[in-house]
């Protein structure tokens, strides 16, 4: 896989008050790409939502493809910074803070759902970036003593990344089976069981692991 992140240092997070024309265009693209899909969204529609001219969109990003690449890099940088902060300090969110964060990032969830399931090369590049970042910040967590060591860091990163993305990609089914009309409450509701799973483990003994990978037999 192509490693789009060459360092293990966290990228800077989104600056507060980021209300420049470039930022408005980017946020408009996130909302419209997530709602309509990349192909169905025009530069003019993005410009109208951002309250700028279509020429200014092209000036800043070159093309719609250039804008999507900038959006992907921006979101990946934000996710990387947040994950590095959590994994290096061991500090997470309380329930109310999580509700606020999920509500504020609804358009981002929709964008990721579209970007990672449309079967495009851009979606593959975005996933590769998220995966490589996951390898990095999980290694930081291991070095900090926050998580258990593993013999296969790449497989661990991929498994955890897919588990996290599933909550976004399958949110409609999640809401349906839990009887929740609101995505925020559905995601908040599954967080305690996930924390239990990641903190205490799932199985009460090692029989499944031992069957998959039997422990070495002692010499007679």
C-alpha atoms as a PDB file:
ATOM      1  CA  UNK A   1       0.000   0.000   0.000  1.00  0.00           C
ATOM      2  CA  UNK A   2       1.140   3.546  -0.666  1.00  0.00           C
ATOM      3  CA  UNK A   3       1.940   5.318   2.604  1.00  0.00           C
ATOM      4  CA  UNK A   4       0.543   8.808   2.210  1.00  0.00           C
ATOM      5  CA  UNK A   5       1.788   9.755   5.663  1.00  0.00           C
ATOM      6  CA  UNK A   6       5.539   9.564   5.995  1.00  0.00           C
ATOM      7  CA  UNK A   7       5.921  10.516   9.663  1.00  0.00           C
ATOM      8  CA  UNK A   8       4.537   9.345  12.946  1.00  0.00           C
ATOM      9  CA  UNK A   9       3.884  12.873  14.197  1.00  0.00           C
ATOM     10  CA  UNK A  10       0.262  14.053  14.385  1.00  0.00           C
ATOM     11  CA  UNK A  11      -0.884  16.502  11.755  1.00  0.00           C
ATOM     12  CA  UNK A  12      -2.255  19.861  12.912  1.00  0.00           C
ATOM     13  CA  UNK A  13      -5.981  19.880  13.601  1.00  0.00           C
ATOM     14  CA  UNK A  14      -8.459  22.267  12.004  1.00  0.00           C
ATOM     15  CA  UNK A  15      -7.843  25.813  13.181  1.00  0.00           C
ATOM     16  CA  UNK A  16     -10.575  27.503  15.172  1.00  0.00           C
ATOM     17  CA  UNK A  17     -12.466  30.156  13.229  1.00  0.00           C
ATOM     18  CA  UNK A  18     -11.471  28.663   9.892  1.00  0.00           C
ATOM     19  CA  UNK A  19     -13.966  30.723   7.911  1.00  0.00           C
ATOM     20  CA  UNK A  20     -11.924  31.680   4.861  1.00  0.00           C
ATOM     21  CA  UNK A  21     -13.364  31.312   1.379  1.00  0.00           C
ATOM     22  CA  UNK A  22     -11.200  28.215   0.890  1.00  0.00           C
ATOM     23  CA  UNK A  23     -12.583  26.684   4.072  1.00  0.00           C
ATOM     24  CA  UNK A  24     -16.192  27.500   3.111  1.00  0.00           C
ATOM     25  CA  UNK A  25     -15.678  25.837  -0.261  1.00  0.00           C
ATOM     26  CA  UNK A  26     -14.222  22.776   1.408  1.00  0.00           C
ATOM     27  CA  UNK A  27     -17.086  22.490   3.905  1.00  0.00           C
ATOM     28  CA  UNK A  28     -19.632  22.951   1.128  1.00  0.00           C
ATOM     29  CA  UNK A  29     -17.977  20.178  -0.858  1.00  0.00           C
ATOM     30  CA  UNK A  30     -18.061  17.831   2.138  1.00  0.00           C
ATOM     31  CA  UNK A  31     -21.784  18.430   2.581  1.00  0.00           C
ATOM     32  CA  UNK A  32     -22.723  18.111  -1.095  1.00  0.00           C
ATOM     33  CA  UNK A  33     -20.430  15.210  -1.960  1.00  0.00           C
ATOM     34  CA  UNK A  34     -21.825  13.358   1.047  1.00  0.00           C
ATOM     35  CA  UNK A  35     -25.430  14.133   0.182  1.00  0.00           C
ATOM     36  CA  UNK A  36     -25.408  13.754  -3.612  1.00  0.00           C
ATOM     37  CA  UNK A  37     -22.205  11.895  -4.433  1.00  0.00           C
ATOM     38  CA  UNK A  38     -19.167  13.192  -6.293  1.00  0.00           C
ATOM     39  CA  UNK A  39     -20.434  12.731  -9.833  1.00  0.00           C
ATOM     40  CA  UNK A  40     -23.795  14.391  -9.199  1.00  0.00           C
ATOM     41  CA  UNK A  41     -22.293  17.463  -7.544  1.00  0.00           C
ATOM     42  CA  UNK A  42     -21.238  20.357  -9.744  1.00  0.00           C
ATOM     43  CA  UNK A  43     -18.660  23.041  -9.082  1.00  0.00           C
ATOM     44  CA  UNK A  44     -21.431  25.609  -9.464  1.00  0.00           C
ATOM     45  CA  UNK A  45     -23.506  23.951  -6.736  1.00  0.00           C
ATOM     46  CA  UNK A  46     -20.511  23.955  -4.397  1.00  0.00           C
ATOM     47  CA  UNK A  47     -19.842  27.601  -5.165  1.00  0.00           C
ATOM     48  CA  UNK A  48     -23.455  28.561  -4.487  1.00  0.00           C
ATOM     49  CA  UNK A  49     -23.458  26.755  -1.138  1.00  0.00           C
ATOM     50  CA  UNK A  50     -20.163  28.390  -0.161  1.00  0.00           C
ATOM     51  CA  UNK A  51     -21.390  31.799  -1.380  1.00  0.00           C
ATOM     52  CA  UNK A  52     -18.492  32.266  -3.762  1.00  0.00           C
ATOM     53  CA  UNK A  53     -18.048  32.205  -7.522  1.00  0.00           C
ATOM     54  CA  UNK A  54     -17.328  29.032  -9.455  1.00  0.00           C
ATOM     55  CA  UNK A  55     -14.173  30.732 -10.722  1.00  0.00           C
ATOM     56  CA  UNK A  56     -12.934  31.087  -7.145  1.00  0.00           C
ATOM     57  CA  UNK A  57     -13.428  27.338  -6.562  1.00  0.00           C
ATOM     58  CA  UNK A  58     -11.274  26.608  -9.615  1.00  0.00           C
ATOM     59  CA  UNK A  59      -8.744  29.248  -8.506  1.00  0.00           C
ATOM     60  CA  UNK A  60      -8.255  27.586  -5.118  1.00  0.00           C
ATOM     61  CA  UNK A  61      -8.469  23.916  -6.096  1.00  0.00           C
ATOM     62  CA  UNK A  62      -7.925  23.701  -9.849  1.00  0.00           C
ATOM     63  CA  UNK A  63     -10.828  21.339 -10.506  1.00  0.00           C
ATOM     64  CA  UNK A  64     -13.507  19.272  -8.801  1.00  0.00           C
ATOM     65  CA  UNK A  65     -11.013  16.409  -8.546  1.00  0.00           C
ATOM     66  CA  UNK A  66      -8.516  18.753  -6.923  1.00  0.00           C
ATOM     67  CA  UNK A  67     -11.167  19.865  -4.459  1.00  0.00           C
ATOM     68  CA  UNK A  68     -11.992  16.262  -3.530  1.00  0.00           C
ATOM     69  CA  UNK A  69      -8.301  15.552  -2.954  1.00  0.00           C
ATOM     70  CA  UNK A  70      -8.029  18.614  -0.700  1.00  0.00           C
ATOM     71  CA  UNK A  71     -11.124  17.513   1.236  1.00  0.00           C
ATOM     72  CA  UNK A  72      -9.727  13.994   1.703  1.00  0.00           C
ATOM     73  CA  UNK A  73      -6.392  15.313   2.959  1.00  0.00           C
ATOM     74  CA  UNK A  74      -8.114  17.763   5.297  1.00  0.00           C
ATOM     75  CA  UNK A  75     -10.381  15.138   6.843  1.00  0.00           C
ATOM     76  CA  UNK A  76      -7.562  12.611   7.145  1.00  0.00           C
ATOM     77  CA  UNK A  77      -5.387  15.238   8.856  1.00  0.00           C
ATOM     78  CA  UNK A  78      -8.167  15.990  11.335  1.00  0.00           C
ATOM     79  CA  UNK A  79      -8.779  12.323  12.100  1.00  0.00           C
ATOM     80  CA  UNK A  80      -5.055  11.683  12.474  1.00  0.00           C
ATOM     81  CA  UNK A  81      -4.614  14.593  14.888  1.00  0.00           C
ATOM     82  CA  UNK A  82      -7.593  13.528  17.016  1.00  0.00           C
ATOM     83  CA  UNK A  83      -6.441   9.896  17.151  1.00  0.00           C
ATOM     84  CA  UNK A  84      -2.868  10.801  18.019  1.00  0.00           C
ATOM     85  CA  UNK A  85      -4.100  13.055  20.823  1.00  0.00           C
ATOM     86  CA  UNK A  86      -6.285  10.279  22.260  1.00  0.00           C
ATOM     87  CA  UNK A  87      -3.747   7.476  21.888  1.00  0.00           C
ATOM     88  CA  UNK A  88      -0.836   9.444  23.321  1.00  0.00           C
ATOM     89  CA  UNK A  89      -2.730  10.668  26.388  1.00  0.00           C
ATOM     90  CA  UNK A  90      -5.390   7.994  26.928  1.00  0.00           C
ATOM     91  CA  UNK A  91      -8.053  10.687  27.214  1.00  0.00           C
ATOM     92  CA  UNK A  92     -11.394  10.158  25.447  1.00  0.00           C
ATOM     93  CA  UNK A  93     -14.814  11.798  25.395  1.00  0.00           C
ATOM     94  CA  UNK A  94     -17.611  11.744  27.919  1.00  0.00           C
ATOM     95  CA  UNK A  95     -21.110  10.931  26.653  1.00  0.00           C
ATOM     96  CA  UNK A  96     -22.267  14.529  26.235  1.00  0.00           C
ATOM     97  CA  UNK A  97     -19.083  15.605  24.458  1.00  0.00           C
ATOM     98  CA  UNK A  98     -19.479  12.611  22.159  1.00  0.00           C
ATOM     99  CA  UNK A  99     -23.046  13.651  21.329  1.00  0.00           C
ATOM    100  CA  UNK A 100     -21.852  17.128  20.411  1.00  0.00           C
ATOM    101  CA  UNK A 101     -18.962  15.855  18.313  1.00  0.00           C
ATOM    102  CA  UNK A 102     -21.109  13.345  16.410  1.00  0.00           C
ATOM    103  CA  UNK A 103     -23.763  15.957  15.663  1.00  0.00           C
ATOM    104  CA  UNK A 104     -21.176  18.465  14.466  1.00  0.00           C
ATOM    105  CA  UNK A 105     -19.571  15.925  12.146  1.00  0.00           C
ATOM    106  CA  UNK A 106     -22.727  14.522  10.546  1.00  0.00           C
ATOM    107  CA  UNK A 107     -21.680  15.813   7.111  1.00  0.00           C
ATOM    108  CA  UNK A 108     -18.256  14.211   7.531  1.00  0.00           C
ATOM    109  CA  UNK A 109     -19.834  10.824   8.282  1.00  0.00           C
ATOM    110  CA  UNK A 110     -21.978  11.111   5.159  1.00  0.00           C
ATOM    111  CA  UNK A 111     -18.948  12.107   3.102  1.00  0.00           C
ATOM    112  CA  UNK A 112     -16.880   9.158   4.318  1.00  0.00           C
ATOM    113  CA  UNK A 113     -19.758   6.793   3.587  1.00  0.00           C
ATOM    114  CA  UNK A 114     -19.882   8.005  -0.004  1.00  0.00           C
ATOM    115  CA  UNK A 115     -16.151   8.295  -0.563  1.00  0.00           C
ATOM    116  CA  UNK A 116     -15.320   4.803   0.697  1.00  0.00           C
ATOM    117  CA  UNK A 117     -18.125   2.938  -1.072  1.00  0.00           C
ATOM    118  CA  UNK A 118     -18.250   4.520  -4.534  1.00  0.00           C
ATOM    119  CA  UNK A 119     -15.513   2.208  -5.811  1.00  0.00           C
ATOM    120  CA  UNK A 120     -13.207   4.990  -7.001  1.00  0.00           C
ATOM    121  CA  UNK A 121      -9.440   5.329  -6.988  1.00  0.00           C
ATOM    122  CA  UNK A 122      -9.835   8.407  -4.803  1.00  0.00           C
ATOM    123  CA  UNK A 123     -11.727   6.327  -2.259  1.00  0.00           C
ATOM    124  CA  UNK A 124      -8.910   3.768  -2.256  1.00  0.00           C
ATOM    125  CA  UNK A 125      -6.336   6.494  -1.655  1.00  0.00           C
ATOM    126  CA  UNK A 126      -8.409   7.879   1.227  1.00  0.00           C
ATOM    127  CA  UNK A 127      -8.705   4.446   2.829  1.00  0.00           C
ATOM    128  CA  UNK A 128      -4.955   3.878   2.416  1.00  0.00           C
ATOM    129  CA  UNK A 129      -4.268   7.160   4.183  1.00  0.00           C
ATOM    130  CA  UNK A 130      -6.619   6.301   7.053  1.00  0.00           C
ATOM    131  CA  UNK A 131      -5.072   2.826   7.313  1.00  0.00           C
ATOM    132  CA  UNK A 132      -1.466   4.038   7.383  1.00  0.00           C
ATOM    133  CA  UNK A 133      -2.349   6.641   9.975  1.00  0.00           C
ATOM    134  CA  UNK A 134      -4.038   3.925  12.058  1.00  0.00           C
ATOM    135  CA  UNK A 135      -0.834   1.864  11.973  1.00  0.00           C
ATOM    136  CA  UNK A 136       1.061   4.919  13.240  1.00  0.00           C
ATOM    137  CA  UNK A 137      -1.228   5.962  16.073  1.00  0.00           C
ATOM    138  CA  UNK A 138      -1.814   2.414  17.272  1.00  0.00           C
ATOM    139  CA  UNK A 139       1.956   2.012  17.505  1.00  0.00           C
ATOM    140  CA  UNK A 140       2.054   5.188  19.586  1.00  0.00           C
ATOM    141  CA  UNK A 141      -0.651   3.719  21.847  1.00  0.00           C
ATOM    142  CA  UNK A 142       1.360   0.518  22.195  1.00  0.00           C
ATOM    143  CA  UNK A 143       4.540   2.456  22.986  1.00  0.00           C
ATOM    144  CA  UNK A 144       2.654   4.461  25.623  1.00  0.00           C
ATOM    145  CA  UNK A 145       1.400   1.260  27.243  1.00  0.00           C
ATOM    146  CA  UNK A 146      -2.219   2.067  26.398  1.00  0.00           C
ATOM    147  CA  UNK A 147      -2.878  -1.051  24.284  1.00  0.00           C
ATOM    148  CA  UNK A 148      -1.538  -4.588  24.219  1.00  0.00           C
ATOM    149  CA  UNK A 149       1.323  -5.434  21.866  1.00  0.00           C
ATOM    150  CA  UNK A 150       0.570  -7.423  18.723  1.00  0.00           C
ATOM    151  CA  UNK A 151       2.617  -9.553  16.350  1.00  0.00           C
ATOM    152  CA  UNK A 152       0.778  -8.072  13.327  1.00  0.00           C
ATOM    153  CA  UNK A 153       0.376  -4.269  13.610  1.00  0.00           C
ATOM    154  CA  UNK A 154      -0.987  -3.944  10.062  1.00  0.00           C
ATOM    155  CA  UNK A 155      -3.772  -6.471  10.644  1.00  0.00           C
ATOM    156  CA  UNK A 156      -4.655  -4.836  13.970  1.00  0.00           C
ATOM    157  CA  UNK A 157      -4.878  -1.403  12.372  1.00  0.00           C
ATOM    158  CA  UNK A 158      -7.037  -2.682   9.502  1.00  0.00           C
ATOM    159  CA  UNK A 159      -9.389  -4.549  11.831  1.00  0.00           C
ATOM    160  CA  UNK A 160      -9.895  -1.580  14.151  1.00  0.00           C
ATOM    161  CA  UNK A 161     -10.247   0.875  11.275  1.00  0.00           C
ATOM    162  CA  UNK A 162     -12.910  -1.275   9.602  1.00  0.00           C
ATOM    163  CA  UNK A 163     -14.746  -1.717  12.898  1.00  0.00           C
ATOM    164  CA  UNK A 164     -14.829   2.059  13.401  1.00  0.00           C
ATOM    165  CA  UNK A 165     -15.862   2.809   9.810  1.00  0.00           C
ATOM    166  CA  UNK A 166     -18.662   0.240   9.989  1.00  0.00           C
ATOM    167  CA  UNK A 167     -20.497   2.402  12.518  1.00  0.00           C
ATOM    168  CA  UNK A 168     -20.545   5.174   9.917  1.00  0.00           C
ATOM    169  CA  UNK A 169     -21.189   3.111   6.791  1.00  0.00           C
ATOM    170  CA  UNK A 170     -23.962   1.020   8.365  1.00  0.00           C
ATOM    171  CA  UNK A 171     -25.575   3.658  10.569  1.00  0.00           C
ATOM    172  CA  UNK A 172     -29.020   3.226   8.989  1.00  0.00           C
ATOM    173  CA  UNK A 173     -29.080  -0.466   9.899  1.00  0.00           C
ATOM    174  CA  UNK A 174     -27.697   0.369  13.329  1.00  0.00           C
ATOM    175  CA  UNK A 175     -30.518   2.812  13.978  1.00  0.00           C
ATOM    176  CA  UNK A 176     -33.113   0.380  12.680  1.00  0.00           C
ATOM    177  CA  UNK A 177     -32.152  -2.613  14.796  1.00  0.00           C
ATOM    178  CA  UNK A 178     -31.736  -0.494  17.930  1.00  0.00           C
ATOM    179  CA  UNK A 179     -34.993   1.373  17.340  1.00  0.00           C
ATOM    180  CA  UNK A 180     -33.229   4.733  17.383  1.00  0.00           C
ATOM    181  CA  UNK A 181     -34.498   7.479  15.084  1.00  0.00           C
ATOM    182  CA  UNK A 182     -31.426   9.615  15.705  1.00  0.00           C
ATOM    183  CA  UNK A 183     -27.954   8.620  14.500  1.00  0.00           C
ATOM    184  CA  UNK A 184     -26.279  10.447  17.375  1.00  0.00           C
ATOM    185  CA  UNK A 185     -28.162   8.460  20.018  1.00  0.00           C
ATOM    186  CA  UNK A 186     -27.547   5.185  18.186  1.00  0.00           C
ATOM    187  CA  UNK A 187     -23.780   5.797  18.122  1.00  0.00           C
ATOM    188  CA  UNK A 188     -23.739   6.937  21.750  1.00  0.00           C
ATOM    189  CA  UNK A 189     -25.717   3.830  22.749  1.00  0.00           C
ATOM    190  CA  UNK A 190     -23.200   1.376  21.277  1.00  0.00           C
ATOM    191  CA  UNK A 191     -20.197   3.138  22.787  1.00  0.00           C
ATOM    192  CA  UNK A 192     -20.368   1.533  26.287  1.00  0.00           C
ATOM    193  CA  UNK A 193     -20.461  -2.036  24.873  1.00  0.00           C
ATOM    194  CA  UNK A 194     -17.545  -1.181  22.588  1.00  0.00           C
ATOM    195  CA  UNK A 195     -15.580   0.260  25.494  1.00  0.00           C
ATOM    196  CA  UNK A 196     -16.329  -2.885  27.502  1.00  0.00           C
ATOM    197  CA  UNK A 197     -15.120  -5.009  24.602  1.00  0.00           C
ATOM    198  CA  UNK A 198     -11.907  -3.068  24.068  1.00  0.00           C
ATOM    199  CA  UNK A 199     -11.197  -2.717  27.792  1.00  0.00           C
ATOM    200  CA  UNK A 200     -12.136  -6.115  29.230  1.00  0.00           C
ATOM    201  CA  UNK A 201     -12.226  -8.336  26.163  1.00  0.00           C
ATOM    202  CA  UNK A 202     -15.127 -10.438  24.897  1.00  0.00           C
ATOM    203  CA  UNK A 203     -14.441 -14.087  25.656  1.00  0.00           C
ATOM    204  CA  UNK A 204     -14.108 -15.444  29.166  1.00  0.00           C
ATOM    205  CA  UNK A 205     -11.310 -17.820  28.231  1.00  0.00           C
ATOM    206  CA  UNK A 206      -8.878 -18.569  25.389  1.00  0.00           C
ATOM    207  CA  UNK A 207     -10.588 -21.573  23.756  1.00  0.00           C
ATOM    208  CA  UNK A 208     -11.332 -19.871  20.427  1.00  0.00           C
ATOM    209  CA  UNK A 209      -7.835 -18.438  20.115  1.00  0.00           C
ATOM    210  CA  UNK A 210      -6.269 -21.745  21.113  1.00  0.00           C
ATOM    211  CA  UNK A 211      -8.270 -23.583  18.459  1.00  0.00           C
ATOM    212  CA  UNK A 212      -7.151 -21.117  15.803  1.00  0.00           C
ATOM    213  CA  UNK A 213      -3.539 -21.077  16.908  1.00  0.00           C
ATOM    214  CA  UNK A 214      -2.853 -23.977  19.298  1.00  0.00           C
ATOM    215  CA  UNK A 215      -0.191 -23.269  21.930  1.00  0.00           C
ATOM    216  CA  UNK A 216       3.072 -25.204  21.495  1.00  0.00           C
ATOM    217  CA  UNK A 217       3.180 -28.573  23.209  1.00  0.00           C
ATOM    218  CA  UNK A 218       5.645 -28.991  26.040  1.00  0.00           C
ATOM    219  CA  UNK A 219       8.538 -31.369  25.492  1.00  0.00           C
ATOM    220  CA  UNK A 220       8.035 -34.706  27.296  1.00  0.00           C
END
